[in-house]
Amino acid sequence: MTYLKVFFKIFLSAAIMFGLPVSIFFLLPYGYPRGIIAGGSAGIIFGLIVAFISAPKQIDSNGKEIPVRHWASVELDLPYGKAFEKCSQAIRLLEKVNKVKEDKIKGEIKADVGFSWMKGGLLSGVGDVVEISFEKKDNQKTSVKISSRPWLPTAIADGGRNFHNVDQIIAGLKGIHPTVAKVLYGLYEK
């Protein structure tokens, strides 16, 4: 049932996003009934193609939908400064990181990740925004919240790319600092 729900959501969005402008475009030269029929047909065909390509990438191995916005909380057994440094290194391990903005005083790291045809769907937009925020628990513990979302807010499919971004940062933190404790995933459980 989840696959059909995801398939229908992607199909409907793609058909409307493509079919509506095409209908308006064909309405001018061909008139009322032909323009609407041509645009509607083009939207349906485009929607089916996109849904067949993107829907399987939005389902995990357990048959659950992978959301396009993902977050995780991690508790590091490190002081605030070291945790910030380790996260700064880990975010740079992502593929196609374009620019990274760091603000140690506010406790934020923000990165733009470029689009990849291999990992994304046709409706996933132009890339992702990955944000890491920090909260000092005590002198030796820091809470870190990692979030990843599509750059384009209207994106409905990403092929699991944002889940992968968060997972890669956590894996990078484990590789850099093996005492990562308490990984709490949001919206989607691994």
N, C-alpha and C. Protein backbone atom coordinates (compact mmCIF):
# COMPACT_ATOMS: atom_id res chain seq x y z
N MET A 1 0.81 -1.19 0.00
CA MET A 1 0.00 0.00 0.00
C MET A 1 0.86 1.26 0.00
N THR A 2 1.99 1.22 0.72
CA THR A 2 2.87 2.38 0.78
C THR A 2 3.41 2.72 -0.60
N TYR A 3 3.79 1.69 -1.36
CA TYR A 3 4.33 1.95 -2.70
C TYR A 3 3.29 2.66 -3.56
N LEU A 4 2.04 2.21 -3.52
CA LEU A 4 1.00 2.85 -4.32
C LEU A 4 0.77 4.29 -3.88
N LYS A 5 0.82 4.54 -2.59
CA LYS A 5 0.65 5.89 -2.07
C LYS A 5 1.77 6.81 -2.57
N VAL A 6 3.00 6.33 -2.48
CA VAL A 6 4.15 7.11 -2.94
C VAL A 6 4.07 7.30 -4.46
N PHE A 7 3.75 6.24 -5.17
CA PHE A 7 3.63 6.31 -6.63
C PHE A 7 2.59 7.35 -7.03
N PHE A 8 1.41 7.29 -6.40
CA PHE A 8 0.34 8.21 -6.74
C PHE A 8 0.71 9.66 -6.41
N LYS A 9 1.38 9.87 -5.26
CA LYS A 9 1.79 11.22 -4.86
C LYS A 9 2.77 11.81 -5.87
N ILE A 10 3.74 11.02 -6.29
CA ILE A 10 4.72 11.50 -7.26
C ILE A 10 4.07 11.70 -8.62
N PHE A 11 3.22 10.75 -9.03
CA PHE A 11 2.53 10.87 -10.32
C PHE A 11 1.69 12.14 -10.37
N LEU A 12 0.88 12.36 -9.35
CA LEU A 12 -0.02 13.51 -9.33
C LEU A 12 0.76 14.82 -9.35
N SER A 13 1.81 14.91 -8.54
CA SER A 13 2.61 16.14 -8.51
C SER A 13 3.28 16.41 -9.84
N ALA A 14 3.89 15.39 -10.42
CA ALA A 14 4.58 15.57 -11.70
C ALA A 14 3.60 15.90 -12.82
N ALA A 15 2.45 15.23 -12.83
CA ALA A 15 1.46 15.48 -13.88
C ALA A 15 0.94 16.91 -13.82
N ILE A 16 0.67 17.41 -12.62
CA ILE A 16 0.18 18.78 -12.47
C ILE A 16 1.27 19.79 -12.79
N MET A 17 2.49 19.56 -12.23
CA MET A 17 3.58 20.51 -12.46
C MET A 17 3.96 20.61 -13.93
N PHE A 18 3.83 19.55 -14.68
CA PHE A 18 4.17 19.56 -16.09
C PHE A 18 2.95 19.86 -16.96
N GLY A 19 1.83 19.23 -16.66
CA GLY A 19 0.65 19.34 -17.50
C GLY A 19 0.01 20.71 -17.52
N LEU A 20 0.00 21.40 -16.39
CA LEU A 20 -0.62 22.72 -16.32
C LEU A 20 0.07 23.75 -17.22
N PRO A 21 1.40 23.91 -17.13
CA PRO A 21 2.04 24.87 -18.04
C PRO A 21 1.93 24.46 -19.51
N VAL A 22 2.00 23.15 -19.78
CA VAL A 22 1.89 22.69 -21.17
C VAL A 22 0.48 22.97 -21.69
N SER A 23 -0.53 22.80 -20.85
CA SER A 23 -1.91 23.10 -21.25
C SER A 23 -2.05 24.57 -21.62
N ILE A 24 -1.49 25.42 -20.79
CA ILE A 24 -1.56 26.86 -21.07
C ILE A 24 -0.82 27.18 -22.36
N PHE A 25 0.33 26.57 -22.55
CA PHE A 25 1.12 26.79 -23.76
C PHE A 25 0.35 26.34 -25.01
N PHE A 26 -0.27 25.17 -24.96
CA PHE A 26 -1.03 24.66 -26.12
C PHE A 26 -2.39 25.34 -26.28
N LEU A 27 -2.90 25.93 -25.24
CA LEU A 27 -4.20 26.60 -25.29
C LEU A 27 -4.17 27.80 -26.23
N LEU A 28 -3.06 28.52 -26.24
CA LEU A 28 -2.96 29.72 -27.09
C LEU A 28 -3.06 29.40 -28.58
N PRO A 29 -2.26 28.49 -29.13
CA PRO A 29 -2.36 28.27 -30.58
C PRO A 29 -3.50 27.34 -31.00
N TYR A 30 -3.90 26.38 -30.14
CA TYR A 30 -4.86 25.36 -30.56
C TYR A 30 -6.28 25.57 -30.02
N GLY A 31 -6.46 26.50 -29.10
CA GLY A 31 -7.80 26.76 -28.59
C GLY A 31 -8.16 25.87 -27.42
N TYR A 32 -9.44 26.04 -26.99
CA TYR A 32 -9.89 25.42 -25.74
C TYR A 32 -9.85 23.90 -25.70
N PRO A 33 -10.57 23.17 -26.45
CA PRO A 33 -10.56 21.73 -26.13
C PRO A 33 -9.25 21.05 -26.46
N ARG A 34 -8.66 21.38 -27.59
CA ARG A 34 -7.41 20.70 -28.01
C ARG A 34 -6.25 21.00 -27.08
N GLY A 35 -6.10 22.27 -26.69
CA GLY A 35 -4.99 22.66 -25.81
C GLY A 35 -5.03 21.96 -24.47
N ILE A 36 -6.22 21.87 -23.89
CA ILE A 36 -6.38 21.21 -22.58
C ILE A 36 -6.12 19.71 -22.71
N ILE A 37 -6.63 19.11 -23.76
CA ILE A 37 -6.42 17.66 -23.97
C ILE A 37 -4.94 17.37 -24.20
N ALA A 38 -4.27 18.19 -25.02
CA ALA A 38 -2.84 17.97 -25.29
C ALA A 38 -2.01 18.16 -24.02
N GLY A 39 -2.28 19.22 -23.27
CA GLY A 39 -1.54 19.46 -22.03
C GLY A 39 -1.81 18.40 -20.98
N GLY A 40 -3.08 18.00 -20.85
CA GLY A 40 -3.43 16.95 -19.88
C GLY A 40 -2.79 15.62 -20.23
N SER A 41 -2.79 15.29 -21.52
CA SER A 41 -2.15 14.04 -21.96
C SER A 41 -0.65 14.07 -21.71
N ALA A 42 -0.02 15.21 -22.02
CA ALA A 42 1.42 15.34 -21.78
C ALA A 42 1.73 15.22 -20.29
N GLY A 43 0.88 15.83 -19.45
CA GLY A 43 1.07 15.75 -18.00
C GLY A 43 0.95 14.33 -17.48
N ILE A 44 -0.04 13.61 -17.98
CA ILE A 44 -0.24 12.22 -17.54
C ILE A 44 0.95 11.35 -17.95
N ILE A 45 1.40 11.49 -19.19
CA ILE A 45 2.55 10.69 -19.65
C ILE A 45 3.80 11.04 -18.85
N PHE A 46 4.05 12.33 -18.66
CA PHE A 46 5.23 12.75 -17.89
C PHE A 46 5.12 12.25 -16.45
N GLY A 47 3.94 12.38 -15.84
CA GLY A 47 3.73 11.93 -14.46
C GLY A 47 3.99 10.44 -14.30
N LEU A 48 3.52 9.64 -15.25
CA LEU A 48 3.76 8.19 -15.19
C LEU A 48 5.24 7.86 -15.30
N ILE A 49 5.93 8.52 -16.22
CA ILE A 49 7.37 8.26 -16.39
C ILE A 49 8.13 8.60 -15.11
N VAL A 50 7.86 9.78 -14.56
CA VAL A 50 8.56 10.20 -13.34
C VAL A 50 8.21 9.28 -12.17
N ALA A 51 6.96 8.90 -12.03
CA ALA A 51 6.56 8.04 -10.92
C ALA A 51 7.20 6.65 -11.02
N PHE A 52 7.26 6.09 -12.23
CA PHE A 52 7.90 4.78 -12.39
C PHE A 52 9.39 4.83 -12.06
N ILE A 53 10.04 5.97 -12.36
CA ILE A 53 11.47 6.10 -12.08
C ILE A 53 11.72 6.41 -10.60
N SER A 54 10.95 7.35 -10.03
CA SER A 54 11.25 7.87 -8.69
C SER A 54 10.64 7.08 -7.53
N ALA A 55 9.46 6.51 -7.71
CA ALA A 55 8.78 5.85 -6.59
C ALA A 55 9.59 4.71 -5.97
N PRO A 56 10.21 3.83 -6.75
CA PRO A 56 10.98 2.75 -6.09
C PRO A 56 12.14 3.27 -5.24
N LYS A 57 12.68 4.44 -5.58
CA LYS A 57 13.79 5.00 -4.82
C LYS A 57 13.34 5.63 -3.51
N GLN A 58 12.04 5.85 -3.34
CA GLN A 58 11.51 6.46 -2.12
C GLN A 58 11.02 5.42 -1.12
N ILE A 59 11.24 4.15 -1.39
CA ILE A 59 10.82 3.06 -0.50
C ILE A 59 12.08 2.34 0.00
N ASP A 60 12.15 2.13 1.32
CA ASP A 60 13.31 1.42 1.85
C ASP A 60 13.11 -0.10 1.77
N SER A 61 14.07 -0.85 2.27
CA SER A 61 14.01 -2.31 2.18
C SER A 61 12.88 -2.91 3.02
N ASN A 62 12.36 -2.16 3.99
CA ASN A 62 11.25 -2.64 4.82
C ASN A 62 9.90 -2.25 4.25
N GLY A 63 9.88 -1.58 3.11
CA GLY A 63 8.63 -1.17 2.49
C GLY A 63 8.06 0.13 3.02
N LYS A 64 8.86 0.91 3.76
CA LYS A 64 8.41 2.19 4.29
C LYS A 64 8.89 3.33 3.38
N GLU A 65 8.11 4.41 3.40
CA GLU A 65 8.48 5.59 2.61
C GLU A 65 9.65 6.31 3.27
N ILE A 66 10.62 6.71 2.47
CA ILE A 66 11.75 7.50 2.96
C ILE A 66 11.38 8.97 2.78
N PRO A 67 11.26 9.74 3.86
CA PRO A 67 10.89 11.14 3.71
C PRO A 67 12.01 11.96 3.10
N VAL A 68 11.66 13.08 2.48
CA VAL A 68 12.67 13.93 1.85
C VAL A 68 13.36 14.84 2.86
N ARG A 69 12.77 15.05 4.01
CA ARG A 69 13.39 15.83 5.07
C ARG A 69 13.76 14.86 6.20
N HIS A 70 15.02 14.89 6.60
CA HIS A 70 15.49 13.92 7.58
C HIS A 70 16.37 14.60 8.62
N TRP A 71 16.34 14.08 9.85
CA TRP A 71 17.20 14.60 10.89
C TRP A 71 17.61 13.48 11.84
N ALA A 72 18.67 13.74 12.58
CA ALA A 72 19.14 12.81 13.62
C ALA A 72 19.81 13.62 14.72
N SER A 73 19.72 13.13 15.94
CA SER A 73 20.42 13.73 17.07
C SER A 73 21.48 12.76 17.55
N VAL A 74 22.65 13.30 17.84
CA VAL A 74 23.78 12.48 18.28
C VAL A 74 24.39 13.15 19.50
N GLU A 75 24.76 12.33 20.48
CA GLU A 75 25.47 12.86 21.64
C GLU A 75 26.93 12.44 21.54
N LEU A 76 27.82 13.43 21.52
CA LEU A 76 29.26 13.16 21.42
C LEU A 76 29.91 13.33 22.79
N ASP A 77 30.80 12.42 23.12
CA ASP A 77 31.57 12.52 24.36
C ASP A 77 32.80 13.39 24.11
N LEU A 78 32.54 14.63 23.69
CA LEU A 78 33.60 15.58 23.38
C LEU A 78 33.20 16.96 23.88
N PRO A 79 34.19 17.78 24.24
CA PRO A 79 33.87 19.16 24.56
C PRO A 79 33.35 19.89 23.30
N TYR A 80 32.67 21.00 23.50
CA TYR A 80 32.02 21.73 22.42
C TYR A 80 32.96 22.05 21.25
N GLY A 81 34.13 22.57 21.53
CA GLY A 81 35.09 22.95 20.48
C GLY A 81 35.52 21.77 19.62
N LYS A 82 35.84 20.66 20.27
CA LYS A 82 36.26 19.45 19.53
C LYS A 82 35.10 18.87 18.73
N ALA A 83 33.89 18.88 19.31
CA ALA A 83 32.72 18.36 18.61
C ALA A 83 32.46 19.19 17.35
N PHE A 84 32.60 20.50 17.46
CA PHE A 84 32.42 21.39 16.31
C PHE A 84 33.44 21.05 15.22
N GLU A 85 34.67 20.85 15.61
CA GLU A 85 35.74 20.52 14.66
C GLU A 85 35.48 19.17 13.98
N LYS A 86 35.06 18.17 14.74
CA LYS A 86 34.80 16.84 14.17
C LYS A 86 33.62 16.88 13.19
N CYS A 87 32.58 17.64 13.54
CA CYS A 87 31.42 17.75 12.64
C CYS A 87 31.79 18.51 11.38
N SER A 88 32.65 19.49 11.52
CA SER A 88 33.13 20.24 10.35
C SER A 88 33.88 19.31 9.39
N GLN A 89 34.66 18.40 9.95
CA GLN A 89 35.36 17.42 9.11
C GLN A 89 34.38 16.42 8.49
N ALA A 90 33.41 15.98 9.28
CA ALA A 90 32.47 14.95 8.82
C ALA A 90 31.57 15.47 7.70
N ILE A 91 31.15 16.73 7.76
CA ILE A 91 30.26 17.26 6.73
C ILE A 91 30.98 17.38 5.39
N ARG A 92 32.28 17.55 5.44
CA ARG A 92 33.07 17.65 4.21
C ARG A 92 33.28 16.29 3.54
N LEU A 93 32.88 15.21 4.23
CA LEU A 93 32.97 13.87 3.64
C LEU A 93 31.84 13.59 2.65
N LEU A 94 30.79 14.42 2.67
CA LEU A 94 29.67 14.24 1.74
C LEU A 94 30.13 14.51 0.31
N GLU A 95 29.51 13.81 -0.63
CA GLU A 95 29.81 14.04 -2.04
C GLU A 95 29.22 15.37 -2.49
N LYS A 96 29.92 16.07 -3.35
CA LYS A 96 29.47 17.30 -3.99
C LYS A 96 29.10 18.41 -3.01
N VAL A 97 29.89 18.57 -1.94
CA VAL A 97 29.68 19.69 -1.02
C VAL A 97 30.19 20.95 -1.71
N ASN A 98 29.29 21.91 -1.96
CA ASN A 98 29.67 23.13 -2.67
C ASN A 98 30.28 24.17 -1.74
N LYS A 99 29.55 24.53 -0.71
CA LYS A 99 30.08 25.52 0.22
C LYS A 99 29.60 25.18 1.63
N VAL A 100 30.48 25.49 2.58
CA VAL A 100 30.19 25.22 3.99
C VAL A 100 30.33 26.54 4.75
N LYS A 101 29.28 26.89 5.50
CA LYS A 101 29.31 28.09 6.34
C LYS A 101 29.34 27.63 7.78
N GLU A 102 30.30 28.14 8.54
CA GLU A 102 30.45 27.75 9.93
C GLU A 102 30.33 28.97 10.83
N ASP A 103 29.63 28.82 11.94
CA ASP A 103 29.52 29.87 12.95
C ASP A 103 29.66 29.19 14.31
N LYS A 104 30.87 29.23 14.84
CA LYS A 104 31.15 28.53 16.09
C LYS A 104 30.44 29.18 17.28
N ILE A 105 30.23 30.48 17.22
CA ILE A 105 29.57 31.19 18.31
C ILE A 105 28.09 30.78 18.40
N LYS A 106 27.41 30.76 17.25
CA LYS A 106 26.00 30.34 17.22
C LYS A 106 25.85 28.83 17.32
N GLY A 107 26.92 28.11 17.03
CA GLY A 107 26.88 26.64 17.06
C GLY A 107 26.17 26.06 15.87
N GLU A 108 26.52 26.55 14.66
CA GLU A 108 25.87 26.09 13.44
C GLU A 108 26.87 25.83 12.32
N ILE A 109 26.62 24.78 11.59
CA ILE A 109 27.34 24.50 10.35
C ILE A 109 26.27 24.26 9.30
N LYS A 110 26.41 24.91 8.15
CA LYS A 110 25.43 24.77 7.07
C LYS A 110 26.20 24.50 5.78
N ALA A 111 25.76 23.48 5.04
CA ALA A 111 26.43 23.12 3.79
C ALA A 111 25.41 22.94 2.67
N ASP A 112 25.80 23.37 1.49
CA ASP A 112 25.00 23.12 0.28
C ASP A 112 25.62 21.93 -0.43
N VAL A 113 24.80 20.94 -0.71
CA VAL A 113 25.26 19.72 -1.39
C VAL A 113 24.66 19.71 -2.78
N GLY A 114 25.51 19.54 -3.79
CA GLY A 114 25.06 19.56 -5.18
C GLY A 114 24.21 18.37 -5.55
N PHE A 115 23.43 18.56 -6.60
CA PHE A 115 22.52 17.53 -7.11
C PHE A 115 23.30 16.41 -7.80
N SER A 116 22.83 15.19 -7.65
CA SER A 116 23.43 14.04 -8.30
C SER A 116 22.33 13.26 -9.02
N TRP A 117 22.46 13.09 -10.33
CA TRP A 117 21.46 12.32 -11.09
C TRP A 117 21.42 10.87 -10.66
N MET A 118 22.55 10.36 -10.20
CA MET A 118 22.61 8.95 -9.82
C MET A 118 21.82 8.68 -8.53
N LYS A 119 21.79 9.64 -7.61
CA LYS A 119 21.14 9.40 -6.32
C LYS A 119 19.76 10.04 -6.22
N GLY A 120 19.48 11.03 -7.03
CA GLY A 120 18.22 11.76 -6.90
C GLY A 120 17.17 11.29 -7.88
N GLY A 121 16.00 11.80 -7.70
CA GLY A 121 14.91 11.54 -8.63
C GLY A 121 14.73 12.75 -9.53
N LEU A 122 13.83 12.66 -10.47
CA LEU A 122 13.58 13.76 -11.38
C LEU A 122 12.93 14.95 -10.69
N LEU A 123 12.27 14.74 -9.56
CA LEU A 123 11.58 15.82 -8.88
C LEU A 123 12.34 16.30 -7.65
N SER A 124 13.60 15.98 -7.53
CA SER A 124 14.32 16.27 -6.29
C SER A 124 14.95 17.66 -6.26
N GLY A 125 14.83 18.43 -7.30
CA GLY A 125 15.36 19.79 -7.26
C GLY A 125 16.82 19.86 -7.66
N VAL A 126 17.51 20.84 -7.10
CA VAL A 126 18.88 21.12 -7.53
C VAL A 126 19.93 20.77 -6.49
N GLY A 127 19.56 20.27 -5.36
CA GLY A 127 20.53 19.92 -4.34
C GLY A 127 19.90 19.89 -2.96
N ASP A 128 20.74 19.79 -1.94
CA ASP A 128 20.27 19.67 -0.57
C ASP A 128 20.94 20.70 0.32
N VAL A 129 20.31 20.96 1.45
CA VAL A 129 20.87 21.82 2.49
C VAL A 129 21.04 20.95 3.73
N VAL A 130 22.27 20.85 4.20
CA VAL A 130 22.58 20.07 5.39
C VAL A 130 22.97 21.04 6.49
N GLU A 131 22.31 20.91 7.65
CA GLU A 131 22.59 21.79 8.78
C GLU A 131 22.93 20.98 10.01
N ILE A 132 23.91 21.47 10.75
CA ILE A 132 24.30 20.83 12.01
C ILE A 132 24.26 21.92 13.08
N SER A 133 23.55 21.64 14.18
CA SER A 133 23.52 22.58 15.30
C SER A 133 24.02 21.88 16.55
N PHE A 134 24.61 22.67 17.45
CA PHE A 134 25.28 22.13 18.63
C PHE A 134 24.67 22.68 19.91
N GLU A 135 24.66 21.83 20.95
CA GLU A 135 24.24 22.26 22.28
C GLU A 135 25.20 21.64 23.29
N LYS A 136 25.81 22.51 24.06
CA LYS A 136 26.77 22.05 25.07
C LYS A 136 26.01 21.46 26.25
N LYS A 137 26.24 20.18 26.54
CA LYS A 137 25.58 19.51 27.68
C LYS A 137 26.35 19.77 28.97
N ASP A 138 27.64 19.47 28.95
CA ASP A 138 28.54 19.78 30.05
C ASP A 138 29.93 19.93 29.45
N ASN A 139 30.97 19.92 30.27
CA ASN A 139 32.33 20.14 29.75
C ASN A 139 32.82 19.04 28.82
N GLN A 140 32.28 17.83 28.94
CA GLN A 140 32.75 16.72 28.13
C GLN A 140 31.69 16.12 27.21
N LYS A 141 30.51 16.71 27.11
CA LYS A 141 29.45 16.17 26.25
C LYS A 141 28.82 17.29 25.44
N THR A 142 28.55 16.97 24.18
CA THR A 142 27.91 17.92 23.28
C THR A 142 26.81 17.19 22.51
N SER A 143 25.64 17.80 22.48
CA SER A 143 24.53 17.26 21.70
C SER A 143 24.56 17.90 20.31
N VAL A 144 24.43 17.07 19.29
CA VAL A 144 24.52 17.53 17.91
C VAL A 144 23.25 17.12 17.18
N LYS A 145 22.61 18.07 16.49
CA LYS A 145 21.44 17.77 15.68
C LYS A 145 21.82 17.99 14.22
N ILE A 146 21.63 16.95 13.40
CA ILE A 146 21.97 16.97 11.99
C ILE A 146 20.66 16.90 11.20
N SER A 147 20.48 17.81 10.25
CA SER A 147 19.28 17.76 9.41
C SER A 147 19.67 17.94 7.95
N SER A 148 18.90 17.32 7.09
CA SER A 148 19.13 17.43 5.66
C SER A 148 17.78 17.52 4.97
N ARG A 149 17.67 18.46 4.04
CA ARG A 149 16.43 18.67 3.31
C ARG A 149 16.75 19.10 1.90
N PRO A 150 15.81 18.94 0.98
CA PRO A 150 16.04 19.41 -0.38
C PRO A 150 16.13 20.94 -0.41
N TRP A 151 16.96 21.46 -1.29
CA TRP A 151 17.07 22.90 -1.45
C TRP A 151 15.74 23.48 -1.93
N LEU A 152 15.07 22.76 -2.80
CA LEU A 152 13.79 23.18 -3.33
C LEU A 152 12.69 22.69 -2.39
N PRO A 153 11.92 23.59 -1.74
CA PRO A 153 10.93 23.14 -0.75
C PRO A 153 9.79 22.30 -1.33
N THR A 154 9.57 22.38 -2.63
CA THR A 154 8.48 21.63 -3.24
C THR A 154 8.88 20.22 -3.65
N ALA A 155 10.11 19.83 -3.38
CA ALA A 155 10.59 18.49 -3.76
C ALA A 155 9.79 17.42 -3.04
N ILE A 156 9.34 16.42 -3.78
CA ILE A 156 8.56 15.33 -3.17
C ILE A 156 9.29 14.00 -3.25
N ALA A 157 10.38 13.95 -3.98
CA ALA A 157 11.16 12.73 -4.10
C ALA A 157 12.63 13.10 -4.16
N ASP A 158 13.45 12.32 -3.47
CA ASP A 158 14.89 12.57 -3.50
C ASP A 158 15.71 11.30 -3.60
N GLY A 159 15.06 10.18 -3.76
CA GLY A 159 15.78 8.91 -3.87
C GLY A 159 16.49 8.51 -2.59
N GLY A 160 16.04 9.04 -1.44
CA GLY A 160 16.68 8.71 -0.17
C GLY A 160 17.97 9.48 0.07
N ARG A 161 18.23 10.50 -0.75
CA ARG A 161 19.49 11.23 -0.68
C ARG A 161 19.66 11.96 0.66
N ASN A 162 18.61 12.57 1.21
CA ASN A 162 18.74 13.29 2.47
C ASN A 162 18.96 12.35 3.64
N PHE A 163 18.32 11.19 3.60
CA PHE A 163 18.60 10.17 4.61
C PHE A 163 20.07 9.75 4.53
N HIS A 164 20.55 9.57 3.30
CA HIS A 164 21.94 9.18 3.07
C HIS A 164 22.90 10.26 3.58
N ASN A 165 22.57 11.55 3.37
CA ASN A 165 23.44 12.63 3.86
C ASN A 165 23.61 12.55 5.37
N VAL A 166 22.51 12.40 6.10
CA VAL A 166 22.58 12.32 7.57
C VAL A 166 23.35 11.07 7.99
N ASP A 167 23.07 9.97 7.33
CA ASP A 167 23.75 8.71 7.64
C ASP A 167 25.27 8.82 7.40
N GLN A 168 25.66 9.48 6.32
CA GLN A 168 27.09 9.65 6.00
C GLN A 168 27.79 10.50 7.05
N ILE A 169 27.14 11.55 7.53
CA ILE A 169 27.76 12.40 8.56
C ILE A 169 27.93 11.60 9.84
N ILE A 170 26.93 10.83 10.22
CA ILE A 170 27.04 10.00 11.43
C ILE A 170 28.14 8.96 11.25
N ALA A 171 28.21 8.34 10.08
CA ALA A 171 29.28 7.37 9.82
C ALA A 171 30.64 8.06 9.87
N GLY A 172 30.71 9.28 9.34
CA GLY A 172 31.96 10.04 9.40
C GLY A 172 32.35 10.37 10.83
N LEU A 173 31.37 10.72 11.65
CA LEU A 173 31.66 10.99 13.06
C LEU A 173 32.13 9.73 13.77
N LYS A 174 31.54 8.60 13.45
CA LYS A 174 31.97 7.34 14.06
C LYS A 174 33.40 7.00 13.63
N GLY A 175 33.72 7.29 12.35
CA GLY A 175 35.07 7.02 11.87
C GLY A 175 36.10 7.96 12.46
N ILE A 176 35.71 9.22 12.66
CA ILE A 176 36.62 10.22 13.21
C ILE A 176 36.71 10.07 14.73
N HIS A 177 35.57 9.80 15.34
CA HIS A 177 35.50 9.69 16.80
C HIS A 177 34.59 8.51 17.14
N PRO A 178 35.14 7.36 17.45
CA PRO A 178 34.34 6.14 17.59
C PRO A 178 33.38 6.09 18.78
N THR A 179 33.39 7.07 19.69
CA THR A 179 32.49 7.00 20.84
C THR A 179 31.21 7.81 20.62
N VAL A 180 30.65 7.75 19.42
CA VAL A 180 29.35 8.39 19.17
C VAL A 180 28.30 7.56 19.88
N ALA A 181 27.54 8.21 20.74
CA ALA A 181 26.52 7.50 21.51
C ALA A 181 25.14 8.08 21.21
N LYS A 182 24.12 7.30 21.47
CA LYS A 182 22.73 7.75 21.39
C LYS A 182 22.38 8.41 20.05
N VAL A 183 22.34 7.66 19.00
CA VAL A 183 21.89 8.19 17.71
C VAL A 183 20.37 8.07 17.67
N LEU A 184 19.69 9.21 17.60
CA LEU A 184 18.24 9.24 17.56
C LEU A 184 17.81 9.78 16.20
N TYR A 185 17.21 8.93 15.38
CA TYR A 185 16.78 9.34 14.05
C TYR A 185 15.39 9.94 14.11
N GLY A 186 15.17 10.91 13.25
CA GLY A 186 13.86 11.54 13.21
C GLY A 186 13.12 11.18 11.94
N LEU A 187 11.83 11.09 12.03
CA LEU A 187 10.92 10.83 10.91
C LEU A 187 11.05 9.44 10.33
N TYR A 188 12.19 8.83 10.47
CA TYR A 188 12.43 7.56 9.81
C TYR A 188 13.37 6.75 10.67
N GLU A 189 13.00 5.55 11.00
CA GLU A 189 13.87 4.72 11.84
C GLU A 189 14.62 3.73 10.99
N LYS A 190 15.86 3.57 11.28
CA LYS A 190 16.71 2.67 10.51
C LYS A 190 16.48 1.26 10.90
